[in-house]
């Protein structure tokens, strides 16, 4: 599951091309019914423009799907919000843009590690 305002369509497409069944939601509030319907193995929070509200999004995702790995994806690596997200127990982060093969390896490793 990819959550974020205006999700990166190239990232979404790359996930699908790597064999992932990907669903997207623009906010955690709109994702609630999707989480219960699809039971995602992984949630990716797309931080296109990191802000303090992104930490609230991360916390809401953790509450919505306890135990599901949450990855922060951003084109602004090293930004203090990304660091804070990791402090808030995001499982990992991806710097965007990410090549398809790398997406598969990182996400497969995360999913395998949380089974």
PDB file of N, CA and C in Angstrom:
ATOM      1  N   UNK A   1       0.844  -1.166   0.000  1.00  0.00           N
ATOM      2  CA  UNK A   1       0.000   0.000   0.000  1.00  0.00           C
ATOM      3  C   UNK A   1       0.890   1.230   0.000  1.00  0.00           C
ATOM      4  N   UNK A   2       0.576   2.177  -0.868  1.00  0.00           N
ATOM      5  CA  UNK A   2       1.298   3.438  -0.977  1.00  0.00           C
ATOM      6  C   UNK A   2       0.371   4.543  -0.494  1.00  0.00           C
ATOM      7  N   UNK A   3       0.821   5.296   0.512  1.00  0.00           N
ATOM      8  CA  UNK A   3       0.013   6.376   1.062  1.00  0.00           C
ATOM      9  C   UNK A   3       0.772   7.682   0.907  1.00  0.00           C
ATOM     10  N   UNK A   4       0.088   8.691   0.374  1.00  0.00           N
ATOM     11  CA  UNK A   4       0.690  10.003   0.262  1.00  0.00           C
ATOM     12  C   UNK A   4      -0.102  10.887  -0.667  1.00  0.00           C
ATOM     13  N   UNK A   5      -0.074  12.187  -0.370  1.00  0.00           N
ATOM     14  CA  UNK A   5      -0.723  13.135  -1.252  1.00  0.00           C
ATOM     15  C   UNK A   5      -0.054  13.077  -2.607  1.00  0.00           C
ATOM     16  N   UNK A   6      -0.837  12.989  -3.641  1.00  0.00           N
ATOM     17  CA  UNK A   6      -0.308  12.908  -5.007  1.00  0.00           C
ATOM     18  C   UNK A   6       0.816  11.876  -5.106  1.00  0.00           C
ATOM     19  N   UNK A   7       0.502  10.595  -4.854  1.00  0.00           N
ATOM     20  CA  UNK A   7       1.553   9.579  -4.908  1.00  0.00           C
ATOM     21  C   UNK A   7       2.310   9.620  -6.237  1.00  0.00           C
ATOM     22  N   UNK A   8       3.591   9.365  -6.162  1.00  0.00           N
ATOM     23  CA  UNK A   8       4.454   9.342  -7.333  1.00  0.00           C
ATOM     24  C   UNK A   8       4.002   8.210  -8.251  1.00  0.00           C
ATOM     25  N   UNK A   9       3.427   8.545  -9.395  1.00  0.00           N
ATOM     26  CA  UNK A   9       2.873   7.538 -10.312  1.00  0.00           C
ATOM     27  C   UNK A   9       3.965   6.628 -10.853  1.00  0.00           C
ATOM     28  N   UNK A  10       5.181   7.153 -11.037  1.00  0.00           N
ATOM     29  CA  UNK A  10       6.276   6.305 -11.516  1.00  0.00           C
ATOM     30  C   UNK A  10       6.651   5.258 -10.475  1.00  0.00           C
ATOM     31  N   UNK A  11       6.639   5.640  -9.214  1.00  0.00           N
ATOM     32  CA  UNK A  11       6.938   4.716  -8.133  1.00  0.00           C
ATOM     33  C   UNK A  11       5.853   3.643  -8.048  1.00  0.00           C
ATOM     34  N   UNK A  12       4.599   4.066  -8.137  1.00  0.00           N
ATOM     35  CA  UNK A  12       3.468   3.143  -8.112  1.00  0.00           C
ATOM     36  C   UNK A  12       3.577   2.147  -9.266  1.00  0.00           C
ATOM     37  N   UNK A  13       3.874   2.638 -10.449  1.00  0.00           N
ATOM     38  CA  UNK A  13       4.022   1.782 -11.630  1.00  0.00           C
ATOM     39  C   UNK A  13       5.191   0.819 -11.459  1.00  0.00           C
ATOM     40  N   UNK A  14       6.316   1.306 -10.908  1.00  0.00           N
ATOM     41  CA  UNK A  14       7.484   0.441 -10.686  1.00  0.00           C
ATOM     42  C   UNK A  14       7.135  -0.693  -9.724  1.00  0.00           C
ATOM     43  N   UNK A  15       6.356  -0.403  -8.693  1.00  0.00           N
ATOM     44  CA  UNK A  15       5.931  -1.461  -7.764  1.00  0.00           C
ATOM     45  C   UNK A  15       5.143  -2.534  -8.504  1.00  0.00           C
ATOM     46  N   UNK A  16       4.209  -2.105  -9.337  1.00  0.00           N
ATOM     47  CA  UNK A  16       3.406  -3.070 -10.091  1.00  0.00           C
ATOM     48  C   UNK A  16       4.273  -3.867 -11.063  1.00  0.00           C
ATOM     49  N   UNK A  17       5.224  -3.219 -11.720  1.00  0.00           N
ATOM     50  CA  UNK A  17       6.089  -3.914 -12.674  1.00  0.00           C
ATOM     51  C   UNK A  17       6.992  -4.928 -11.987  1.00  0.00           C
ATOM     52  N   UNK A  18       7.277  -4.716 -10.707  1.00  0.00           N
ATOM     53  CA  UNK A  18       8.104  -5.664  -9.960  1.00  0.00           C
ATOM     54  C   UNK A  18       7.276  -6.793  -9.364  1.00  0.00           C
ATOM     55  N   UNK A  19       5.997  -6.834  -9.687  1.00  0.00           N
ATOM     56  CA  UNK A  19       5.162  -7.950  -9.268  1.00  0.00           C
ATOM     57  C   UNK A  19       4.363  -7.720  -7.997  1.00  0.00           C
ATOM     58  N   UNK A  20       4.383  -6.511  -7.482  1.00  0.00           N
ATOM     59  CA  UNK A  20       3.600  -6.212  -6.285  1.00  0.00           C
ATOM     60  C   UNK A  20       2.191  -5.812  -6.670  1.00  0.00           C
ATOM     61  N   UNK A  21       1.226  -6.287  -5.913  1.00  0.00           N
ATOM     62  CA  UNK A  21      -0.136  -5.800  -6.053  1.00  0.00           C
ATOM     63  C   UNK A  21      -0.164  -4.501  -5.251  1.00  0.00           C
ATOM     64  N   UNK A  22      -0.232  -3.391  -5.937  1.00  0.00           N
ATOM     65  CA  UNK A  22      -0.116  -2.093  -5.276  1.00  0.00           C
ATOM     66  C   UNK A  22      -1.460  -1.383  -5.266  1.00  0.00           C
ATOM     67  N   UNK A  23      -1.774  -0.817  -4.105  1.00  0.00           N
ATOM     68  CA  UNK A  23      -2.943   0.040  -3.988  1.00  0.00           C
ATOM     69  C   UNK A  23      -2.469   1.359  -3.398  1.00  0.00           C
ATOM     70  N   UNK A  24      -3.172   2.433  -3.712  1.00  0.00           N
ATOM     71  CA  UNK A  24      -2.744   3.748  -3.249  1.00  0.00           C
ATOM     72  C   UNK A  24      -3.892   4.482  -2.582  1.00  0.00           C
ATOM     73  N   UNK A  25      -3.510   5.331  -1.658  1.00  0.00           N
ATOM     74  CA  UNK A  25      -4.463   6.197  -0.975  1.00  0.00           C
ATOM     75  C   UNK A  25      -3.771   7.522  -0.718  1.00  0.00           C
ATOM     76  N   UNK A  26      -4.512   8.607  -0.840  1.00  0.00           N
ATOM     77  CA  UNK A  26      -3.884   9.924  -0.648  1.00  0.00           C
ATOM     78  C   UNK A  26      -3.738  10.310   0.809  1.00  0.00           C
ATOM     79  N   UNK A  27      -4.384   9.568   1.718  1.00  0.00           N
ATOM     80  CA  UNK A  27      -4.266   9.893   3.139  1.00  0.00           C
ATOM     81  C   UNK A  27      -4.546   8.654   3.981  1.00  0.00           C
ATOM     82  N   UNK A  28      -4.055   8.625   5.217  1.00  0.00           N
ATOM     83  CA  UNK A  28      -4.352   7.494   6.096  1.00  0.00           C
ATOM     84  C   UNK A  28      -5.849   7.343   6.345  1.00  0.00           C
ATOM     85  N   UNK A  29      -6.551   8.468   6.443  1.00  0.00           N
ATOM     86  CA  UNK A  29      -7.988   8.405   6.684  1.00  0.00           C
ATOM     87  C   UNK A  29      -8.704   7.634   5.578  1.00  0.00           C
ATOM     88  N   UNK A  30      -8.307   7.880   4.348  1.00  0.00           N
ATOM     89  CA  UNK A  30      -8.928   7.186   3.220  1.00  0.00           C
ATOM     90  C   UNK A  30      -8.390   5.764   3.071  1.00  0.00           C
ATOM     91  N   UNK A  31      -7.268   5.472   3.721  1.00  0.00           N
ATOM     92  CA  UNK A  31      -6.663   4.144   3.616  1.00  0.00           C
ATOM     93  C   UNK A  31      -7.307   3.122   4.552  1.00  0.00           C
ATOM     94  N   UNK A  32      -7.940   3.583   5.643  1.00  0.00           N
ATOM     95  CA  UNK A  32      -8.509   2.643   6.622  1.00  0.00           C
ATOM     96  C   UNK A  32      -9.312   1.522   5.980  1.00  0.00           C
ATOM     97  N   UNK A  33     -10.319   1.822   5.140  1.00  0.00           N
ATOM     98  CA  UNK A  33     -11.094   0.717   4.566  1.00  0.00           C
ATOM     99  C   UNK A  33     -10.265  -0.186   3.658  1.00  0.00           C
ATOM    100  N   UNK A  34      -9.267   0.382   2.998  1.00  0.00           N
ATOM    101  CA  UNK A  34      -8.409  -0.418   2.123  1.00  0.00           C
ATOM    102  C   UNK A  34      -7.540  -1.378   2.927  1.00  0.00           C
ATOM    103  N   UNK A  35      -7.067  -0.924   4.084  1.00  0.00           N
ATOM    104  CA  UNK A  35      -6.241  -1.789   4.943  1.00  0.00           C
ATOM    105  C   UNK A  35      -7.042  -3.007   5.374  1.00  0.00           C
ATOM    106  N   UNK A  36      -8.274  -2.793   5.761  1.00  0.00           N
ATOM    107  CA  UNK A  36      -9.088  -3.912   6.210  1.00  0.00           C
ATOM    108  C   UNK A  36      -9.519  -4.816   5.064  1.00  0.00           C
ATOM    109  N   UNK A  37      -9.715  -4.249   3.888  1.00  0.00           N
ATOM    110  CA  UNK A  37     -10.122  -5.053   2.732  1.00  0.00           C
ATOM    111  C   UNK A  37      -8.960  -5.830   2.129  1.00  0.00           C
ATOM    112  N   UNK A  38      -7.770  -5.223   2.054  1.00  0.00           N
ATOM    113  CA  UNK A  38      -6.647  -5.832   1.341  1.00  0.00           C
ATOM    114  C   UNK A  38      -5.557  -6.411   2.239  1.00  0.00           C
ATOM    115  N   UNK A  39      -5.508  -6.048   3.511  1.00  0.00           N
ATOM    116  CA  UNK A  39      -4.486  -6.544   4.442  1.00  0.00           C
ATOM    117  C   UNK A  39      -3.080  -6.467   3.836  1.00  0.00           C
ATOM    118  N   UNK A  40      -2.565  -5.252   3.648  1.00  0.00           N
ATOM    119  CA  UNK A  40      -1.249  -5.112   3.004  1.00  0.00           C
ATOM    120  C   UNK A  40      -0.132  -5.720   3.849  1.00  0.00           C
ATOM    121  N   UNK A  41       0.885  -6.218   3.167  1.00  0.00           N
ATOM    122  CA  UNK A  41       2.060  -6.776   3.833  1.00  0.00           C
ATOM    123  C   UNK A  41       3.075  -5.683   4.151  1.00  0.00           C
ATOM    124  N   UNK A  42       2.861  -4.504   3.547  1.00  0.00           N
ATOM    125  CA  UNK A  42       3.820  -3.419   3.668  1.00  0.00           C
ATOM    126  C   UNK A  42       3.104  -2.107   3.350  1.00  0.00           C
ATOM    127  N   UNK A  43       3.430  -1.053   4.092  1.00  0.00           N
ATOM    128  CA  UNK A  43       2.889   0.276   3.802  1.00  0.00           C
ATOM    129  C   UNK A  43       4.068   1.192   3.492  1.00  0.00           C
ATOM    130  N   UNK A  44       3.947   1.908   2.387  1.00  0.00           N
ATOM    131  CA  UNK A  44       4.958   2.886   2.006  1.00  0.00           C
ATOM    132  C   UNK A  44       4.316   4.261   2.124  1.00  0.00           C
ATOM    133  N   UNK A  45       4.900   5.103   2.964  1.00  0.00           N
ATOM    134  CA  UNK A  45       4.408   6.474   3.125  1.00  0.00           C
ATOM    135  C   UNK A  45       5.291   7.355   2.257  1.00  0.00           C
ATOM    136  N   UNK A  46       4.688   7.940   1.233  1.00  0.00           N
ATOM    137  CA  UNK A  46       5.407   8.760   0.270  1.00  0.00           C
ATOM    138  C   UNK A  46       5.454  10.195   0.763  1.00  0.00           C
ATOM    139  N   UNK A  47       6.633  10.658   1.168  1.00  0.00           N
ATOM    140  CA  UNK A  47       6.811  12.019   1.656  1.00  0.00           C
ATOM    141  C   UNK A  47       7.380  12.887   0.543  1.00  0.00           C
ATOM    142  N   UNK A  48       6.505  13.431  -0.269  1.00  0.00           N
ATOM    143  CA  UNK A  48       6.967  14.260  -1.395  1.00  0.00           C
ATOM    144  C   UNK A  48       7.510  15.595  -0.913  1.00  0.00           C
ATOM    145  N   UNK A  49       6.869  16.171   0.072  1.00  0.00           N
ATOM    146  CA  UNK A  49       7.299  17.449   0.639  1.00  0.00           C
ATOM    147  C   UNK A  49       7.272  17.292   2.157  1.00  0.00           C
ATOM    148  N   UNK A  50       8.327  16.750   2.745  1.00  0.00           N
ATOM    149  CA  UNK A  50       8.311  16.444   4.172  1.00  0.00           C
ATOM    150  C   UNK A  50       7.911  17.635   5.045  1.00  0.00           C
ATOM    151  N   UNK A  51       7.055  17.356   6.012  1.00  0.00           N
ATOM    152  CA  UNK A  51       6.606  18.364   6.962  1.00  0.00           C
ATOM    153  C   UNK A  51       6.285  17.669   8.281  1.00  0.00           C
ATOM    154  N   UNK A  52       5.964  18.444   9.276  1.00  0.00           N
ATOM    155  CA  UNK A  52       5.625  17.859  10.576  1.00  0.00           C
ATOM    156  C   UNK A  52       4.393  16.976  10.508  1.00  0.00           C
ATOM    157  N   UNK A  53       3.474  17.289   9.617  1.00  0.00           N
ATOM    158  CA  UNK A  53       2.268  16.466   9.510  1.00  0.00           C
ATOM    159  C   UNK A  53       2.590  15.057   9.018  1.00  0.00           C
ATOM    160  N   UNK A  54       3.743  14.886   8.368  1.00  0.00           N
ATOM    161  CA  UNK A  54       4.131  13.550   7.904  1.00  0.00           C
ATOM    162  C   UNK A  54       4.386  12.602   9.075  1.00  0.00           C
ATOM    163  N   UNK A  55       4.870  13.120  10.194  1.00  0.00           N
ATOM    164  CA  UNK A  55       5.073  12.284  11.375  1.00  0.00           C
ATOM    165  C   UNK A  55       3.721  11.801  11.880  1.00  0.00           C
ATOM    166  N   UNK A  56       2.726  12.677  11.852  1.00  0.00           N
ATOM    167  CA  UNK A  56       1.371  12.281  12.254  1.00  0.00           C
ATOM    168  C   UNK A  56       0.838  11.205  11.310  1.00  0.00           C
ATOM    169  N   UNK A  57       1.137  11.323  10.023  1.00  0.00           N
ATOM    170  CA  UNK A  57       0.721  10.306   9.048  1.00  0.00           C
ATOM    171  C   UNK A  57       1.366   8.973   9.373  1.00  0.00           C
ATOM    172  N   UNK A  58       2.641   8.990   9.676  1.00  0.00           N
ATOM    173  CA  UNK A  58       3.348   7.764  10.037  1.00  0.00           C
ATOM    174  C   UNK A  58       2.733   7.122  11.282  1.00  0.00           C
ATOM    175  N   UNK A  59       2.459   7.928  12.299  1.00  0.00           N
ATOM    176  CA  UNK A  59       1.867   7.402  13.528  1.00  0.00           C
ATOM    177  C   UNK A  59       0.484   6.814  13.279  1.00  0.00           C
ATOM    178  N   UNK A  60      -0.292   7.462  12.422  1.00  0.00           N
ATOM    179  CA  UNK A  60      -1.617   6.936  12.107  1.00  0.00           C
ATOM    180  C   UNK A  60      -1.521   5.618  11.345  1.00  0.00           C
ATOM    181  N   UNK A  61      -0.549   5.501  10.463  1.00  0.00           N
ATOM    182  CA  UNK A  61      -0.352   4.244   9.727  1.00  0.00           C
ATOM    183  C   UNK A  61       0.015   3.111  10.683  1.00  0.00           C
ATOM    184  N   UNK A  62       0.866   3.422  11.667  1.00  0.00           N
ATOM    185  CA  UNK A  62       1.251   2.398  12.648  1.00  0.00           C
ATOM    186  C   UNK A  62       0.042   1.946  13.450  1.00  0.00           C
ATOM    187  N   UNK A  63      -0.845   2.873  13.795  1.00  0.00           N
ATOM    188  CA  UNK A  63      -2.050   2.520  14.541  1.00  0.00           C
ATOM    189  C   UNK A  63      -3.025   1.727  13.678  1.00  0.00           C
ATOM    190  N   UNK A  64      -3.083   2.067  12.412  1.00  0.00           N
ATOM    191  CA  UNK A  64      -4.013   1.437  11.486  1.00  0.00           C
ATOM    192  C   UNK A  64      -3.619  -0.009  11.191  1.00  0.00           C
ATOM    193  N   UNK A  65      -2.342  -0.285  11.139  1.00  0.00           N
ATOM    194  CA  UNK A  65      -1.864  -1.612  10.744  1.00  0.00           C
ATOM    195  C   UNK A  65      -0.711  -2.040  11.647  1.00  0.00           C
ATOM    196  N   UNK A  66      -1.008  -2.348  12.920  1.00  0.00           N
ATOM    197  CA  UNK A  66       0.075  -2.733  13.830  1.00  0.00           C
ATOM    198  C   UNK A  66       0.834  -3.954  13.316  1.00  0.00           C
ATOM    199  N   UNK A  67       2.142  -3.884  13.416  1.00  0.00           N
ATOM    200  CA  UNK A  67       2.970  -5.007  13.002  1.00  0.00           C
ATOM    201  C   UNK A  67       3.338  -5.020  11.532  1.00  0.00           C
ATOM    202  N   UNK A  68       2.702  -4.174  10.726  1.00  0.00           N
ATOM    203  CA  UNK A  68       3.007  -4.121   9.297  1.00  0.00           C
ATOM    204  C   UNK A  68       4.202  -3.182   9.109  1.00  0.00           C
ATOM    205  N   UNK A  69       5.241  -3.628   8.392  1.00  0.00           N
ATOM    206  CA  UNK A  69       6.395  -2.747   8.159  1.00  0.00           C
ATOM    207  C   UNK A  69       5.975  -1.485   7.408  1.00  0.00           C
ATOM    208  N   UNK A  70       6.520  -0.352   7.857  1.00  0.00           N
ATOM    209  CA  UNK A  70       6.221   0.924   7.213  1.00  0.00           C
ATOM    210  C   UNK A  70       7.524   1.522   6.707  1.00  0.00           C
ATOM    211  N   UNK A  71       7.531   1.826   5.421  1.00  0.00           N
ATOM    212  CA  UNK A  71       8.703   2.393   4.763  1.00  0.00           C
ATOM    213  C   UNK A  71       8.388   3.833   4.383  1.00  0.00           C
ATOM    214  N   UNK A  72       9.306   4.727   4.667  1.00  0.00           N
ATOM    215  CA  UNK A  72       9.178   6.114   4.260  1.00  0.00           C
ATOM    216  C   UNK A  72       9.922   6.268   2.936  1.00  0.00           C
ATOM    217  N   UNK A  73       9.241   6.774   1.925  1.00  0.00           N
ATOM    218  CA  UNK A  73       9.850   7.012   0.619  1.00  0.00           C
ATOM    219  C   UNK A  73       9.858   8.510   0.365  1.00  0.00           C
ATOM    220  N   UNK A  74      11.010   9.042   0.000  1.00  0.00           N
ATOM    221  CA  UNK A  74      11.110  10.485  -0.222  1.00  0.00           C
ATOM    222  C   UNK A  74      12.207  10.811  -1.226  1.00  0.00           C
ATOM    223  N   UNK A  75      12.032  11.935  -1.870  1.00  0.00           N
ATOM    224  CA  UNK A  75      13.079  12.435  -2.765  1.00  0.00           C
ATOM    225  C   UNK A  75      13.983  13.412  -2.020  1.00  0.00           C
ATOM    226  N   UNK A  76      13.767  13.558  -0.710  1.00  0.00           N
ATOM    227  CA  UNK A  76      14.556  14.465   0.119  1.00  0.00           C
ATOM    228  C   UNK A  76      15.277  13.658   1.196  1.00  0.00           C
ATOM    229  N   UNK A  77      16.260  12.820   0.826  1.00  0.00           N
ATOM    230  CA  UNK A  77      16.940  11.994   1.821  1.00  0.00           C
ATOM    231  C   UNK A  77      17.730  12.846   2.814  1.00  0.00           C
ATOM    232  N   UNK A  78      17.794  12.352   4.036  1.00  0.00           N
ATOM    233  CA  UNK A  78      18.552  13.047   5.052  1.00  0.00           C
ATOM    234  C   UNK A  78      17.809  14.197   5.698  1.00  0.00           C
ATOM    235  N   UNK A  79      16.649  14.520   5.194  1.00  0.00           N
ATOM    236  CA  UNK A  79      15.854  15.594   5.761  1.00  0.00           C
ATOM    237  C   UNK A  79      15.478  15.225   7.196  1.00  0.00           C
ATOM    238  N   UNK A  80      15.388  16.205   8.055  1.00  0.00           N
ATOM    239  CA  UNK A  80      15.130  15.930   9.468  1.00  0.00           C
ATOM    240  C   UNK A  80      13.824  15.173   9.686  1.00  0.00           C
ATOM    241  N   UNK A  81      12.832  15.361   8.816  1.00  0.00           N
ATOM    242  CA  UNK A  81      11.575  14.621   8.962  1.00  0.00           C
ATOM    243  C   UNK A  81      11.793  13.134   8.718  1.00  0.00           C
ATOM    244  N   UNK A  82      12.647  12.802   7.756  1.00  0.00           N
ATOM    245  CA  UNK A  82      12.960  11.390   7.504  1.00  0.00           C
ATOM    246  C   UNK A  82      13.642  10.800   8.735  1.00  0.00           C
ATOM    247  N   UNK A  83      14.570  11.531   9.298  1.00  0.00           N
ATOM    248  CA  UNK A  83      15.260  11.044  10.495  1.00  0.00           C
ATOM    249  C   UNK A  83      14.259  10.857  11.641  1.00  0.00           C
ATOM    250  N   UNK A  84      13.354  11.790  11.779  1.00  0.00           N
ATOM    251  CA  UNK A  84      12.331  11.678  12.828  1.00  0.00           C
ATOM    252  C   UNK A  84      11.429  10.483  12.562  1.00  0.00           C
ATOM    253  N   UNK A  85      11.107  10.227  11.292  1.00  0.00           N
ATOM    254  CA  UNK A  85      10.273   9.073  10.942  1.00  0.00           C
ATOM    255  C   UNK A  85      10.950   7.780  11.377  1.00  0.00           C
ATOM    256  N   UNK A  86      12.251   7.699  11.183  1.00  0.00           N
ATOM    257  CA  UNK A  86      12.980   6.514  11.618  1.00  0.00           C
ATOM    258  C   UNK A  86      12.983   6.412  13.147  1.00  0.00           C
ATOM    259  N   UNK A  87      13.073   7.549  13.821  1.00  0.00           N
ATOM    260  CA  UNK A  87      12.979   7.548  15.281  1.00  0.00           C
ATOM    261  C   UNK A  87      11.604   7.088  15.744  1.00  0.00           C
ATOM    262  N   UNK A  88      10.590   7.385  14.940  1.00  0.00           N
ATOM    263  CA  UNK A  88       9.220   6.980  15.258  1.00  0.00           C
ATOM    264  C   UNK A  88       8.938   5.540  14.816  1.00  0.00           C
ATOM    265  N   UNK A  89      10.002   4.830  14.508  1.00  0.00           N
ATOM    266  CA  UNK A  89       9.952   3.410  14.181  1.00  0.00           C
ATOM    267  C   UNK A  89       9.423   3.074  12.791  1.00  0.00           C
ATOM    268  N   UNK A  90       9.672   3.956  11.843  1.00  0.00           N
ATOM    269  CA  UNK A  90       9.478   3.524  10.463  1.00  0.00           C
ATOM    270  C   UNK A  90      10.484   2.398  10.265  1.00  0.00           C
ATOM    271  N   UNK A  91      10.121   1.389   9.528  1.00  0.00           N
ATOM    272  CA  UNK A  91      10.992   0.239   9.355  1.00  0.00           C
ATOM    273  C   UNK A  91      12.225   0.585   8.536  1.00  0.00           C
ATOM    274  N   UNK A  92      12.027   1.426   7.522  1.00  0.00           N
ATOM    275  CA  UNK A  92      13.127   1.761   6.623  1.00  0.00           C
ATOM    276  C   UNK A  92      12.724   2.981   5.808  1.00  0.00           C
ATOM    277  N   UNK A  93      13.634   3.437   4.947  1.00  0.00           N
ATOM    278  CA  UNK A  93      13.257   4.487   4.007  1.00  0.00           C
ATOM    279  C   UNK A  93      13.917   4.221   2.665  1.00  0.00           C
ATOM    280  N   UNK A  94      13.263   4.730   1.641  1.00  0.00           N
ATOM    281  CA  UNK A  94      13.765   4.639   0.277  1.00  0.00           C
ATOM    282  C   UNK A  94      13.951   6.045  -0.262  1.00  0.00           C
ATOM    283  N   UNK A  95      15.068   6.286  -0.901  1.00  0.00           N
ATOM    284  CA  UNK A  95      15.276   7.563  -1.585  1.00  0.00           C
ATOM    285  C   UNK A  95      14.698   7.438  -2.984  1.00  0.00           C
ATOM    286  N   UNK A  96      13.876   8.399  -3.365  1.00  0.00           N
ATOM    287  CA  UNK A  96      13.277   8.404  -4.691  1.00  0.00           C
ATOM    288  C   UNK A  96      14.097   9.297  -5.619  1.00  0.00           C
ATOM    289  N   UNK A  97      14.181   8.989  -6.890  1.00  0.00           N
ATOM    290  CA  UNK A  97      13.611   7.815  -7.542  1.00  0.00           C
ATOM    291  C   UNK A  97      14.437   6.560  -7.260  1.00  0.00           C
ATOM    292  N   UNK A  98      13.759   5.431  -7.255  1.00  0.00           N
ATOM    293  CA  UNK A  98      14.397   4.148  -6.995  1.00  0.00           C
ATOM    294  C   UNK A  98      14.243   3.277  -8.235  1.00  0.00           C
ATOM    295  N   UNK A  99      15.314   2.587  -8.597  1.00  0.00           N
ATOM    296  CA  UNK A  99      15.256   1.675  -9.738  1.00  0.00           C
ATOM    297  C   UNK A  99      14.407   0.470  -9.365  1.00  0.00           C
ATOM    298  N   UNK A 100      13.694  -0.084 -10.349  1.00  0.00           N
ATOM    299  CA  UNK A 100      12.797  -1.202 -10.123  1.00  0.00           C
ATOM    300  C   UNK A 100      13.429  -2.375  -9.398  1.00  0.00           C
ATOM    301  N   UNK A 101      14.602  -2.810  -9.828  1.00  0.00           N
ATOM    302  CA  UNK A 101      15.258  -3.955  -9.199  1.00  0.00           C
ATOM    303  C   UNK A 101      15.582  -3.705  -7.739  1.00  0.00           C
ATOM    304  N   UNK A 102      15.967  -2.477  -7.425  1.00  0.00           N
ATOM    305  CA  UNK A 102      16.279  -2.139  -6.039  1.00  0.00           C
ATOM    306  C   UNK A 102      15.013  -2.136  -5.190  1.00  0.00           C
ATOM    307  N   UNK A 103      13.905  -1.650  -5.750  1.00  0.00           N
ATOM    308  CA  UNK A 103      12.633  -1.674  -5.026  1.00  0.00           C
ATOM    309  C   UNK A 103      12.313  -3.106  -4.621  1.00  0.00           C
ATOM    310  N   UNK A 104      12.409  -4.006  -5.559  1.00  0.00           N
ATOM    311  CA  UNK A 104      12.058  -5.404  -5.290  1.00  0.00           C
ATOM    312  C   UNK A 104      12.937  -5.984  -4.194  1.00  0.00           C
ATOM    313  N   UNK A 105      14.236  -5.765  -4.258  1.00  0.00           N
ATOM    314  CA  UNK A 105      15.138  -6.329  -3.259  1.00  0.00           C
ATOM    315  C   UNK A 105      14.841  -5.776  -1.865  1.00  0.00           C
ATOM    316  N   UNK A 106      14.737  -4.466  -1.753  1.00  0.00           N
ATOM    317  CA  UNK A 106      14.487  -3.842  -0.450  1.00  0.00           C
ATOM    318  C   UNK A 106      13.156  -4.305   0.121  1.00  0.00           C
ATOM    319  N   UNK A 107      12.118  -4.269  -0.694  1.00  0.00           N
ATOM    320  CA  UNK A 107      10.796  -4.622  -0.183  1.00  0.00           C
ATOM    321  C   UNK A 107      10.668  -6.110   0.093  1.00  0.00           C
ATOM    322  N   UNK A 108      11.237  -6.961  -0.747  1.00  0.00           N
ATOM    323  CA  UNK A 108      11.215  -8.406  -0.477  1.00  0.00           C
ATOM    324  C   UNK A 108      11.916  -8.719   0.844  1.00  0.00           C
ATOM    325  N   UNK A 109      13.062  -8.077   1.086  1.00  0.00           N
ATOM    326  CA  UNK A 109      13.797  -8.294   2.338  1.00  0.00           C
ATOM    327  C   UNK A 109      12.963  -7.856   3.544  1.00  0.00           C
ATOM    328  N   UNK A 110      12.301  -6.723   3.433  1.00  0.00           N
ATOM    329  CA  UNK A 110      11.477  -6.238   4.542  1.00  0.00           C
ATOM    330  C   UNK A 110      10.297  -7.158   4.823  1.00  0.00           C
ATOM    331  N   UNK A 111       9.610  -7.561   3.774  1.00  0.00           N
ATOM    332  CA  UNK A 111       8.453  -8.442   3.958  1.00  0.00           C
ATOM    333  C   UNK A 111       8.899  -9.776   4.539  1.00  0.00           C
ATOM    334  N   UNK A 112       9.987 -10.333   4.027  1.00  0.00           N
ATOM    335  CA  UNK A 112      10.492 -11.623   4.520  1.00  0.00           C
ATOM    336  C   UNK A 112      10.903 -11.524   5.990  1.00  0.00           C
ATOM    337  N   UNK A 113      11.483 -10.402   6.375  1.00  0.00           N
ATOM    338  CA  UNK A 113      11.919 -10.217   7.747  1.00  0.00           C
ATOM    339  C   UNK A 113      10.789 -10.024   8.747  1.00  0.00           C
ATOM    340  N   UNK A 114       9.591  -9.734   8.278  1.00  0.00           N
ATOM    341  CA  UNK A 114       8.468  -9.495   9.184  1.00  0.00           C
ATOM    342  C   UNK A 114       7.402 -10.579   9.110  1.00  0.00           C
ATOM    343  N   UNK A 115       7.734 -11.712   8.541  1.00  0.00           N
ATOM    344  CA  UNK A 115       6.744 -12.809   8.482  1.00  0.00           C
ATOM    345  C   UNK A 115       6.795 -13.607   9.740  1.00  0.00           C
TER     346      UNK A 115
END
